[in-house]
Amino acid sequence: MLHGLWPQPSTEQYCEVPKRTPDRDRKPVSLPPDLQANLKAMMSDSALMTTHEWYAHGTCSGIAPPAYFGIAADLADQAAKVLDPLFQQAAGQRLSSRSVRETVDA
């Protein structure tokens, strides 16, 4: 799941765009079909979320939307490769934040 991979200072949000405009009133982000499909598998409502994430965070990145979301998707894939085996091994048992952190660090 792609969520929370948008780290930045709170002062670096909504760069050059009005913050108060609702996402539904913003121009949708144009992405290549393969990237759209990849994001759809990672985000609960990718059409809405890509618009929100782009205007809230991506506009401050200095790169175009396809590059921005491509990097985010790659990071989510890398995290899944590391964490999915740990989650499968735990088989529904509770994991400590320490065990997750150790897995990521390793």
PDB file of N, CA and C in Angstrom:
ATOM      1  N   MET A   1       0.842  -1.175   0.000  1.00  0.00           N
ATOM      2  CA  MET A   1       0.000   0.000   0.000  1.00  0.00           C
ATOM      3  C   MET A   1       0.887   1.238   0.000  1.00  0.00           C
ATOM      4  N   LEU A   2       0.584   2.127  -0.854  1.00  0.00           N
ATOM      5  CA  LEU A   2       1.325   3.379  -0.950  1.00  0.00           C
ATOM      6  C   LEU A   2       0.638   4.423  -0.091  1.00  0.00           C
ATOM      7  N   HIS A   3       1.270   4.773   1.008  1.00  0.00           N
ATOM      8  CA  HIS A   3       0.727   5.813   1.867  1.00  0.00           C
ATOM      9  C   HIS A   3       1.847   6.324   2.758  1.00  0.00           C
ATOM     10  N   GLY A   4       1.923   7.612   2.891  1.00  0.00           N
ATOM     11  CA  GLY A   4       2.887   8.184   3.812  1.00  0.00           C
ATOM     12  C   GLY A   4       4.291   8.315   3.260  1.00  0.00           C
ATOM     13  N   LEU A   5       4.491   8.099   1.980  1.00  0.00           N
ATOM     14  CA  LEU A   5       5.824   8.261   1.401  1.00  0.00           C
ATOM     15  C   LEU A   5       5.975   9.652   0.794  1.00  0.00           C
ATOM     16  N   TRP A   6       5.422  10.630   1.459  1.00  0.00           N
ATOM     17  CA  TRP A   6       5.468  11.993   0.958  1.00  0.00           C
ATOM     18  C   TRP A   6       6.135  12.897   1.995  1.00  0.00           C
ATOM     19  N   PRO A   7       7.292  12.513   2.536  1.00  0.00           N
ATOM     20  CA  PRO A   7       7.887  13.328   3.608  1.00  0.00           C
ATOM     21  C   PRO A   7       8.363  14.683   3.095  1.00  0.00           C
ATOM     22  N   GLN A   8       8.110  15.688   3.901  1.00  0.00           N
ATOM     23  CA  GLN A   8       8.559  17.037   3.567  1.00  0.00           C
ATOM     24  C   GLN A   8       8.211  17.952   4.730  1.00  0.00           C
ATOM     25  N   PRO A   9       8.871  19.094   4.814  1.00  0.00           N
ATOM     26  CA  PRO A   9       8.493  20.052   5.858  1.00  0.00           C
ATOM     27  C   PRO A   9       7.072  20.580   5.612  1.00  0.00           C
ATOM     28  N   SER A  10       6.361  20.902   6.662  1.00  0.00           N
ATOM     29  CA  SER A  10       4.984  21.404   6.517  1.00  0.00           C
ATOM     30  C   SER A  10       4.947  22.715   5.741  1.00  0.00           C
ATOM     31  N   THR A  11       6.065  23.424   5.688  1.00  0.00           N
ATOM     32  CA  THR A  11       6.113  24.682   4.938  1.00  0.00           C
ATOM     33  C   THR A  11       6.294  24.452   3.448  1.00  0.00           C
ATOM     34  N   GLU A  12       6.524  23.220   3.053  1.00  0.00           N
ATOM     35  CA  GLU A  12       6.745  22.882   1.647  1.00  0.00           C
ATOM     36  C   GLU A  12       5.589  22.077   1.089  1.00  0.00           C
ATOM     37  N   GLN A  13       4.376  22.552   1.293  1.00  0.00           N
ATOM     38  CA  GLN A  13       3.186  21.909   0.744  1.00  0.00           C
ATOM     39  C   GLN A  13       2.444  22.915  -0.120  1.00  0.00           C
ATOM     40  N   TYR A  14       1.749  22.403  -1.111  1.00  0.00           N
ATOM     41  CA  TYR A  14       0.941  23.228  -2.003  1.00  0.00           C
ATOM     42  C   TYR A  14       1.781  24.346  -2.625  1.00  0.00           C
ATOM     43  N   CYS A  15       2.932  24.002  -3.180  1.00  0.00           N
ATOM     44  CA  CYS A  15       3.809  24.998  -3.788  1.00  0.00           C
ATOM     45  C   CYS A  15       3.171  25.573  -5.050  1.00  0.00           C
ATOM     46  N   GLU A  16       3.004  26.868  -5.057  1.00  0.00           N
ATOM     47  CA  GLU A  16       2.484  27.591  -6.224  1.00  0.00           C
ATOM     48  C   GLU A  16       1.032  27.266  -6.566  1.00  0.00           C
ATOM     49  N   VAL A  17       0.285  26.617  -5.667  1.00  0.00           N
ATOM     50  CA  VAL A  17      -1.135  26.350  -5.920  1.00  0.00           C
ATOM     51  C   VAL A  17      -1.934  26.762  -4.686  1.00  0.00           C
ATOM     52  N   PRO A  18      -3.180  27.207  -4.860  1.00  0.00           N
ATOM     53  CA  PRO A  18      -4.001  27.583  -3.707  1.00  0.00           C
ATOM     54  C   PRO A  18      -4.342  26.372  -2.848  1.00  0.00           C
ATOM     55  N   LYS A  19      -4.016  26.430  -1.582  1.00  0.00           N
ATOM     56  CA  LYS A  19      -4.231  25.310  -0.663  1.00  0.00           C
ATOM     57  C   LYS A  19      -5.711  25.033  -0.413  1.00  0.00           C
ATOM     58  N   ARG A  20      -6.537  26.016  -0.404  1.00  0.00           N
ATOM     59  CA  ARG A  20      -7.943  25.850  -0.015  1.00  0.00           C
ATOM     60  C   ARG A  20      -8.838  25.301  -1.121  1.00  0.00           C
ATOM     61  N   THR A  21      -8.335  25.161  -2.336  1.00  0.00           N
ATOM     62  CA  THR A  21      -9.153  24.621  -3.421  1.00  0.00           C
ATOM     63  C   THR A  21      -9.369  23.128  -3.185  1.00  0.00           C
ATOM     64  N   PRO A  22     -10.616  22.663  -3.139  1.00  0.00           N
ATOM     65  CA  PRO A  22     -10.865  21.221  -2.927  1.00  0.00           C
ATOM     66  C   PRO A  22     -10.271  20.381  -4.056  1.00  0.00           C
ATOM     67  N   ASP A  23      -9.816  19.184  -3.729  1.00  0.00           N
ATOM     68  CA  ASP A  23      -9.219  18.286  -4.723  1.00  0.00           C
ATOM     69  C   ASP A  23     -10.154  18.061  -5.910  1.00  0.00           C
ATOM     70  N   ARG A  24     -11.449  17.959  -5.652  1.00  0.00           N
ATOM     71  CA  ARG A  24     -12.395  17.677  -6.732  1.00  0.00           C
ATOM     72  C   ARG A  24     -12.435  18.805  -7.761  1.00  0.00           C
ATOM     73  N   ASP A  25     -11.994  20.004  -7.371  1.00  0.00           N
ATOM     74  CA  ASP A  25     -11.987  21.146  -8.282  1.00  0.00           C
ATOM     75  C   ASP A  25     -10.641  21.351  -8.972  1.00  0.00           C
ATOM     76  N   ARG A  26      -9.690  20.502  -8.690  1.00  0.00           N
ATOM     77  CA  ARG A  26      -8.363  20.624  -9.299  1.00  0.00           C
ATOM     78  C   ARG A  26      -8.302  19.801 -10.586  1.00  0.00           C
ATOM     79  N   LYS A  27      -7.432  20.204 -11.474  1.00  0.00           N
ATOM     80  CA  LYS A  27      -7.232  19.459 -12.718  1.00  0.00           C
ATOM     81  C   LYS A  27      -6.632  18.095 -12.384  1.00  0.00           C
ATOM     82  N   PRO A  28      -7.215  16.994 -12.891  1.00  0.00           N
ATOM     83  CA  PRO A  28      -6.656  15.662 -12.625  1.00  0.00           C
ATOM     84  C   PRO A  28      -5.216  15.545 -13.143  1.00  0.00           C
ATOM     85  N   VAL A  29      -4.435  14.745 -12.472  1.00  0.00           N
ATOM     86  CA  VAL A  29      -3.042  14.532 -12.845  1.00  0.00           C
ATOM     87  C   VAL A  29      -2.994  13.533 -14.000  1.00  0.00           C
ATOM     88  N   SER A  30      -2.261  13.873 -15.033  1.00  0.00           N
ATOM     89  CA  SER A  30      -2.126  12.991 -16.192  1.00  0.00           C
ATOM     90  C   SER A  30      -0.907  12.086 -16.021  1.00  0.00           C
ATOM     91  N   LEU A  31      -1.153  10.776 -16.037  1.00  0.00           N
ATOM     92  CA  LEU A  31      -0.081   9.798 -15.868  1.00  0.00           C
ATOM     93  C   LEU A  31      -0.188   8.735 -16.956  1.00  0.00           C
ATOM     94  N   PRO A  32       0.934   8.115 -17.336  1.00  0.00           N
ATOM     95  CA  PRO A  32       0.878   7.035 -18.324  1.00  0.00           C
ATOM     96  C   PRO A  32       0.010   5.875 -17.807  1.00  0.00           C
ATOM     97  N   PRO A  33      -0.659   5.159 -18.710  1.00  0.00           N
ATOM     98  CA  PRO A  33      -1.568   4.075 -18.294  1.00  0.00           C
ATOM     99  C   PRO A  33      -0.907   3.012 -17.415  1.00  0.00           C
ATOM    100  N   ASP A  34       0.339   2.636 -17.703  1.00  0.00           N
ATOM    101  CA  ASP A  34       0.991   1.605 -16.890  1.00  0.00           C
ATOM    102  C   ASP A  34       1.234   2.095 -15.461  1.00  0.00           C
ATOM    103  N   LEU A  35       1.586   3.359 -15.316  1.00  0.00           N
ATOM    104  CA  LEU A  35       1.786   3.919 -13.978  1.00  0.00           C
ATOM    105  C   LEU A  35       0.446   4.052 -13.259  1.00  0.00           C
ATOM    106  N   GLN A  36      -0.599   4.443 -13.973  1.00  0.00           N
ATOM    107  CA  GLN A  36      -1.932   4.508 -13.374  1.00  0.00           C
ATOM    108  C   GLN A  36      -2.350   3.146 -12.826  1.00  0.00           C
ATOM    109  N   ALA A  37      -2.101   2.097 -13.611  1.00  0.00           N
ATOM    110  CA  ALA A  37      -2.466   0.739 -13.174  1.00  0.00           C
ATOM    111  C   ALA A  37      -1.666   0.336 -11.944  1.00  0.00           C
ATOM    112  N   ASN A  38      -0.387   0.670 -11.920  1.00  0.00           N
ATOM    113  CA  ASN A  38       0.470   0.351 -10.776  1.00  0.00           C
ATOM    114  C   ASN A  38      -0.025   1.075  -9.528  1.00  0.00           C
ATOM    115  N   LEU A  39      -0.335   2.349  -9.656  1.00  0.00           N
ATOM    116  CA  LEU A  39      -0.826   3.117  -8.510  1.00  0.00           C
ATOM    117  C   LEU A  39      -2.189   2.625  -8.041  1.00  0.00           C
ATOM    118  N   LYS A  40      -3.023   2.198  -8.973  1.00  0.00           N
ATOM    119  CA  LYS A  40      -4.351   1.691  -8.610  1.00  0.00           C
ATOM    120  C   LYS A  40      -4.229   0.471  -7.700  1.00  0.00           C
ATOM    121  N   ALA A  41      -3.201  -0.340  -7.927  1.00  0.00           N
ATOM    122  CA  ALA A  41      -2.973  -1.517  -7.094  1.00  0.00           C
ATOM    123  C   ALA A  41      -2.436  -1.140  -5.714  1.00  0.00           C
ATOM    124  N   MET A  42      -1.893   0.072  -5.582  1.00  0.00           N
ATOM    125  CA  MET A  42      -1.257   0.496  -4.331  1.00  0.00           C
ATOM    126  C   MET A  42      -2.088   1.454  -3.490  1.00  0.00           C
ATOM    127  N   MET A  43      -3.074   2.097  -4.105  1.00  0.00           N
ATOM    128  CA  MET A  43      -3.818   3.141  -3.417  1.00  0.00           C
ATOM    129  C   MET A  43      -5.307   2.821  -3.455  1.00  0.00           C
ATOM    130  N   SER A  44      -5.986   3.055  -2.349  1.00  0.00           N
ATOM    131  CA  SER A  44      -7.397   2.697  -2.265  1.00  0.00           C
ATOM    132  C   SER A  44      -8.249   3.431  -3.299  1.00  0.00           C
ATOM    133  N   ASP A  45      -7.999   4.671  -3.535  1.00  0.00           N
ATOM    134  CA  ASP A  45      -8.735   5.440  -4.542  1.00  0.00           C
ATOM    135  C   ASP A  45      -7.713   6.267  -5.314  1.00  0.00           C
ATOM    136  N   SER A  46      -7.022   5.612  -6.223  1.00  0.00           N
ATOM    137  CA  SER A  46      -5.875   6.242  -6.872  1.00  0.00           C
ATOM    138  C   SER A  46      -6.242   7.498  -7.658  1.00  0.00           C
ATOM    139  N   ALA A  47      -7.395   7.544  -8.278  1.00  0.00           N
ATOM    140  CA  ALA A  47      -7.768   8.736  -9.051  1.00  0.00           C
ATOM    141  C   ALA A  47      -7.863   9.967  -8.144  1.00  0.00           C
ATOM    142  N   LEU A  48      -8.506   9.807  -7.011  1.00  0.00           N
ATOM    143  CA  LEU A  48      -8.625  10.908  -6.056  1.00  0.00           C
ATOM    144  C   LEU A  48      -7.297  11.172  -5.356  1.00  0.00           C
ATOM    145  N   MET A  49      -6.628  10.107  -4.949  1.00  0.00           N
ATOM    146  CA  MET A  49      -5.402  10.268  -4.179  1.00  0.00           C
ATOM    147  C   MET A  49      -4.256  10.853  -4.993  1.00  0.00           C
ATOM    148  N   THR A  50      -4.119  10.488  -6.268  1.00  0.00           N
ATOM    149  CA  THR A  50      -3.024  11.070  -7.057  1.00  0.00           C
ATOM    150  C   THR A  50      -3.211  12.578  -7.190  1.00  0.00           C
ATOM    151  N   THR A  51      -4.448  13.017  -7.371  1.00  0.00           N
ATOM    152  CA  THR A  51      -4.696  14.458  -7.447  1.00  0.00           C
ATOM    153  C   THR A  51      -4.316  15.123  -6.133  1.00  0.00           C
ATOM    154  N   HIS A  52      -4.782  14.565  -5.028  1.00  0.00           N
ATOM    155  CA  HIS A  52      -4.465  15.148  -3.716  1.00  0.00           C
ATOM    156  C   HIS A  52      -2.957  15.154  -3.459  1.00  0.00           C
ATOM    157  N   GLU A  53      -2.316  14.008  -3.634  1.00  0.00           N
ATOM    158  CA  GLU A  53      -0.890  13.907  -3.322  1.00  0.00           C
ATOM    159  C   GLU A  53      -0.055  14.808  -4.225  1.00  0.00           C
ATOM    160  N   TRP A  54      -0.444  14.941  -5.483  1.00  0.00           N
ATOM    161  CA  TRP A  54       0.318  15.808  -6.384  1.00  0.00           C
ATOM    162  C   TRP A  54       0.237  17.263  -5.924  1.00  0.00           C
ATOM    163  N   TYR A  55      -0.984  17.743  -5.684  1.00  0.00           N
ATOM    164  CA  TYR A  55      -1.118  19.157  -5.328  1.00  0.00           C
ATOM    165  C   TYR A  55      -0.603  19.451  -3.925  1.00  0.00           C
ATOM    166  N   ALA A  56      -0.746  18.518  -3.011  1.00  0.00           N
ATOM    167  CA  ALA A  56      -0.271  18.741  -1.642  1.00  0.00           C
ATOM    168  C   ALA A  56       1.242  18.591  -1.533  1.00  0.00           C
ATOM    169  N   HIS A  57       1.823  17.657  -2.277  1.00  0.00           N
ATOM    170  CA  HIS A  57       3.231  17.329  -2.087  1.00  0.00           C
ATOM    171  C   HIS A  57       4.064  17.411  -3.364  1.00  0.00           C
ATOM    172  N   GLY A  58       3.554  16.843  -4.435  1.00  0.00           N
ATOM    173  CA  GLY A  58       4.339  16.753  -5.665  1.00  0.00           C
ATOM    174  C   GLY A  58       4.690  18.080  -6.286  1.00  0.00           C
ATOM    175  N   THR A  59       3.806  19.073  -6.119  1.00  0.00           N
ATOM    176  CA  THR A  59       4.096  20.377  -6.707  1.00  0.00           C
ATOM    177  C   THR A  59       5.357  20.995  -6.126  1.00  0.00           C
ATOM    178  N   CYS A  60       5.797  20.525  -4.983  1.00  0.00           N
ATOM    179  CA  CYS A  60       7.018  21.036  -4.352  1.00  0.00           C
ATOM    180  C   CYS A  60       8.255  20.224  -4.748  1.00  0.00           C
ATOM    181  N   SER A  61       8.068  19.164  -5.500  1.00  0.00           N
ATOM    182  CA  SER A  61       9.181  18.247  -5.774  1.00  0.00           C
ATOM    183  C   SER A  61      10.138  18.737  -6.848  1.00  0.00           C
ATOM    184  N   GLY A  62       9.660  19.585  -7.737  1.00  0.00           N
ATOM    185  CA  GLY A  62      10.512  20.065  -8.814  1.00  0.00           C
ATOM    186  C   GLY A  62      10.604  19.112  -9.996  1.00  0.00           C
ATOM    187  N   ILE A  63       9.807  18.039  -9.993  1.00  0.00           N
ATOM    188  CA  ILE A  63       9.792  17.085 -11.109  1.00  0.00           C
ATOM    189  C   ILE A  63       8.363  16.916 -11.603  1.00  0.00           C
ATOM    190  N   ALA A  64       8.226  16.329 -12.780  1.00  0.00           N
ATOM    191  CA  ALA A  64       6.908  16.129 -13.390  1.00  0.00           C
ATOM    192  C   ALA A  64       6.145  15.008 -12.683  1.00  0.00           C
ATOM    193  N   PRO A  65       4.800  15.034 -12.761  1.00  0.00           N
ATOM    194  CA  PRO A  65       3.996  14.004 -12.091  1.00  0.00           C
ATOM    195  C   PRO A  65       4.400  12.562 -12.399  1.00  0.00           C
ATOM    196  N   PRO A  66       4.678  12.170 -13.671  1.00  0.00           N
ATOM    197  CA  PRO A  66       5.055  10.774 -13.899  1.00  0.00           C
ATOM    198  C   PRO A  66       6.339  10.368 -13.156  1.00  0.00           C
ATOM    199  N   ALA A  67       7.307  11.257 -13.118  1.00  0.00           N
ATOM    200  CA  ALA A  67       8.551  10.950 -12.387  1.00  0.00           C
ATOM    201  C   ALA A  67       8.289  10.870 -10.884  1.00  0.00           C
ATOM    202  N   TYR A  68       7.510  11.813 -10.374  1.00  0.00           N
ATOM    203  CA  TYR A  68       7.201  11.848  -8.947  1.00  0.00           C
ATOM    204  C   TYR A  68       6.489  10.569  -8.495  1.00  0.00           C
ATOM    205  N   PHE A  69       5.432  10.191  -9.212  1.00  0.00           N
ATOM    206  CA  PHE A  69       4.682   9.002  -8.828  1.00  0.00           C
ATOM    207  C   PHE A  69       5.442   7.722  -9.162  1.00  0.00           C
ATOM    208  N   GLY A  70       6.293   7.764 -10.165  1.00  0.00           N
ATOM    209  CA  GLY A  70       7.142   6.609 -10.463  1.00  0.00           C
ATOM    210  C   GLY A  70       8.097   6.319  -9.315  1.00  0.00           C
ATOM    211  N   ILE A  71       8.696   7.367  -8.766  1.00  0.00           N
ATOM    212  CA  ILE A  71       9.590   7.204  -7.610  1.00  0.00           C
ATOM    213  C   ILE A  71       8.809   6.671  -6.409  1.00  0.00           C
ATOM    214  N   ALA A  72       7.635   7.236  -6.153  1.00  0.00           N
ATOM    215  CA  ALA A  72       6.816   6.781  -5.021  1.00  0.00           C
ATOM    216  C   ALA A  72       6.438   5.310  -5.179  1.00  0.00           C
ATOM    217  N   ALA A  73       6.056   4.910  -6.395  1.00  0.00           N
ATOM    218  CA  ALA A  73       5.689   3.510  -6.640  1.00  0.00           C
ATOM    219  C   ALA A  73       6.893   2.595  -6.453  1.00  0.00           C
ATOM    220  N   ASP A  74       8.063   3.025  -6.914  1.00  0.00           N
ATOM    221  CA  ASP A  74       9.282   2.231  -6.720  1.00  0.00           C
ATOM    222  C   ASP A  74       9.604   2.064  -5.236  1.00  0.00           C
ATOM    223  N   LEU A  75       9.460   3.132  -4.466  1.00  0.00           N
ATOM    224  CA  LEU A  75       9.703   3.050  -3.018  1.00  0.00           C
ATOM    225  C   LEU A  75       8.723   2.091  -2.345  1.00  0.00           C
ATOM    226  N   ALA A  76       7.456   2.146  -2.753  1.00  0.00           N
ATOM    227  CA  ALA A  76       6.461   1.238  -2.180  1.00  0.00           C
ATOM    228  C   ALA A  76       6.783  -0.212  -2.534  1.00  0.00           C
ATOM    229  N   ASP A  77       7.245  -0.454  -3.761  1.00  0.00           N
ATOM    230  CA  ASP A  77       7.646  -1.806  -4.166  1.00  0.00           C
ATOM    231  C   ASP A  77       8.822  -2.304  -3.328  1.00  0.00           C
ATOM    232  N   GLN A  78       9.802  -1.427  -3.116  1.00  0.00           N
ATOM    233  CA  GLN A  78      10.961  -1.807  -2.303  1.00  0.00           C
ATOM    234  C   GLN A  78      10.540  -2.135  -0.866  1.00  0.00           C
ATOM    235  N   ALA A  79       9.658  -1.330  -0.312  1.00  0.00           N
ATOM    236  CA  ALA A  79       9.180  -1.588   1.057  1.00  0.00           C
ATOM    237  C   ALA A  79       8.433  -2.916   1.119  1.00  0.00           C
ATOM    238  N   ALA A  80       7.617  -3.204   0.115  1.00  0.00           N
ATOM    239  CA  ALA A  80       6.861  -4.456   0.092  1.00  0.00           C
ATOM    240  C   ALA A  80       7.790  -5.664   0.017  1.00  0.00           C
ATOM    241  N   LYS A  81       8.858  -5.573  -0.756  1.00  0.00           N
ATOM    242  CA  LYS A  81       9.799  -6.691  -0.871  1.00  0.00           C
ATOM    243  C   LYS A  81      10.468  -6.999   0.460  1.00  0.00           C
ATOM    244  N   VAL A  82      10.664  -5.984   1.268  1.00  0.00           N
ATOM    245  CA  VAL A  82      11.292  -6.172   2.574  1.00  0.00           C
ATOM    246  C   VAL A  82      10.271  -6.612   3.621  1.00  0.00           C
ATOM    247  N   LEU A  83       9.113  -5.982   3.627  1.00  0.00           N
ATOM    248  CA  LEU A  83       8.158  -6.204   4.712  1.00  0.00           C
ATOM    249  C   LEU A  83       7.177  -7.342   4.488  1.00  0.00           C
ATOM    250  N   ASP A  84       6.807  -7.620   3.249  1.00  0.00           N
ATOM    251  CA  ASP A  84       5.834  -8.691   3.002  1.00  0.00           C
ATOM    252  C   ASP A  84       6.266 -10.035   3.585  1.00  0.00           C
ATOM    253  N   PRO A  85       7.530 -10.452   3.414  1.00  0.00           N
ATOM    254  CA  PRO A  85       7.929 -11.732   4.035  1.00  0.00           C
ATOM    255  C   PRO A  85       7.783 -11.722   5.561  1.00  0.00           C
ATOM    256  N   LEU A  86       8.073 -10.601   6.192  1.00  0.00           N
ATOM    257  CA  LEU A  86       7.913 -10.501   7.643  1.00  0.00           C
ATOM    258  C   LEU A  86       6.446 -10.645   8.028  1.00  0.00           C
ATOM    259  N   PHE A  87       5.567  -9.982   7.304  1.00  0.00           N
ATOM    260  CA  PHE A  87       4.130 -10.067   7.594  1.00  0.00           C
ATOM    261  C   PHE A  87       3.602 -11.482   7.361  1.00  0.00           C
ATOM    262  N   GLN A  88       4.073 -12.132   6.313  1.00  0.00           N
ATOM    263  CA  GLN A  88       3.642 -13.502   6.038  1.00  0.00           C
ATOM    264  C   GLN A  88       4.138 -14.451   7.125  1.00  0.00           C
ATOM    265  N   GLN A  89       5.358 -14.248   7.576  1.00  0.00           N
ATOM    266  CA  GLN A  89       5.930 -15.087   8.631  1.00  0.00           C
ATOM    267  C   GLN A  89       5.153 -14.915   9.936  1.00  0.00           C
ATOM    268  N   ALA A  90       4.705 -13.705  10.210  1.00  0.00           N
ATOM    269  CA  ALA A  90       3.967 -13.438  11.442  1.00  0.00           C
ATOM    270  C   ALA A  90       2.570 -14.059  11.408  1.00  0.00           C
ATOM    271  N   ALA A  91       2.036 -14.290  10.227  1.00  0.00           N
ATOM    272  CA  ALA A  91       0.743 -14.964  10.041  1.00  0.00           C
ATOM    273  C   ALA A  91      -0.342 -14.436  10.977  1.00  0.00           C
ATOM    274  N   GLY A  92      -0.538 -13.122  10.959  1.00  0.00           N
ATOM    275  CA  GLY A  92      -1.612 -12.524  11.737  1.00  0.00           C
ATOM    276  C   GLY A  92      -1.263 -12.216  13.181  1.00  0.00           C
ATOM    277  N   GLN A  93      -0.076 -12.614  13.621  1.00  0.00           N
ATOM    278  CA  GLN A  93       0.329 -12.294  14.986  1.00  0.00           C
ATOM    279  C   GLN A  93       0.774 -10.833  15.055  1.00  0.00           C
ATOM    280  N   ARG A  94       0.746 -10.301  16.233  1.00  0.00           N
ATOM    281  CA  ARG A  94       1.141  -8.910  16.443  1.00  0.00           C
ATOM    282  C   ARG A  94       2.656  -8.772  16.284  1.00  0.00           C
ATOM    283  N   LEU A  95       3.081  -7.758  15.541  1.00  0.00           N
ATOM    284  CA  LEU A  95       4.493  -7.467  15.359  1.00  0.00           C
ATOM    285  C   LEU A  95       4.867  -6.224  16.156  1.00  0.00           C
ATOM    286  N   SER A  96       6.036  -6.243  16.734  1.00  0.00           N
ATOM    287  CA  SER A  96       6.504  -5.058  17.442  1.00  0.00           C
ATOM    288  C   SER A  96       7.116  -4.086  16.438  1.00  0.00           C
ATOM    289  N   SER A  97       7.088  -2.822  16.775  1.00  0.00           N
ATOM    290  CA  SER A  97       7.720  -1.829  15.905  1.00  0.00           C
ATOM    291  C   SER A  97       9.222  -2.096  15.811  1.00  0.00           C
ATOM    292  N   ARG A  98       9.774  -2.664  16.864  1.00  0.00           N
ATOM    293  CA  ARG A  98      11.202  -2.980  16.868  1.00  0.00           C
ATOM    294  C   ARG A  98      11.513  -4.051  15.823  1.00  0.00           C
ATOM    295  N   SER A  99      10.695  -5.093  15.720  1.00  0.00           N
ATOM    296  CA  SER A  99      10.963  -6.147  14.742  1.00  0.00           C
ATOM    297  C   SER A  99      10.827  -5.624  13.309  1.00  0.00           C
ATOM    298  N   VAL A 100       9.862  -4.744  13.109  1.00  0.00           N
ATOM    299  CA  VAL A 100       9.710  -4.147  11.782  1.00  0.00           C
ATOM    300  C   VAL A 100      10.919  -3.276  11.471  1.00  0.00           C
ATOM    301  N   ARG A 101      11.330  -2.466  12.424  1.00  0.00           N
ATOM    302  CA  ARG A 101      12.492  -1.579  12.242  1.00  0.00           C
ATOM    303  C   ARG A 101      13.750  -2.400  11.976  1.00  0.00           C
ATOM    304  N   GLU A 102      13.945  -3.479  12.716  1.00  0.00           N
ATOM    305  CA  GLU A 102      15.129  -4.331  12.504  1.00  0.00           C
ATOM    306  C   GLU A 102      15.121  -4.958  11.116  1.00  0.00           C
ATOM    307  N   THR A 103      13.952  -5.355  10.647  1.00  0.00           N
ATOM    308  CA  THR A 103      13.840  -5.933   9.304  1.00  0.00           C
ATOM    309  C   THR A 103      14.207  -4.910   8.244  1.00  0.00           C
ATOM    310  N   VAL A 104      13.704  -3.700   8.395  1.00  0.00           N
ATOM    311  CA  VAL A 104      14.017  -2.633   7.440  1.00  0.00           C
ATOM    312  C   VAL A 104      15.512  -2.304   7.496  1.00  0.00           C
ATOM    313  N   ASP A 105      16.058  -2.204   8.696  1.00  0.00           N
ATOM    314  CA  ASP A 105      17.482  -1.882   8.826  1.00  0.00           C
ATOM    315  C   ASP A 105      18.374  -2.947   8.206  1.00  0.00           C
ATOM    316  N   ALA A 106      17.961  -4.215   8.357  1.00  0.00           N
ATOM    317  CA  ALA A 106      18.755  -5.307   7.798  1.00  0.00           C
ATOM    318  C   ALA A 106      18.724  -5.255   6.285  1.00  0.00           C
TER     319      ALA A 106
END
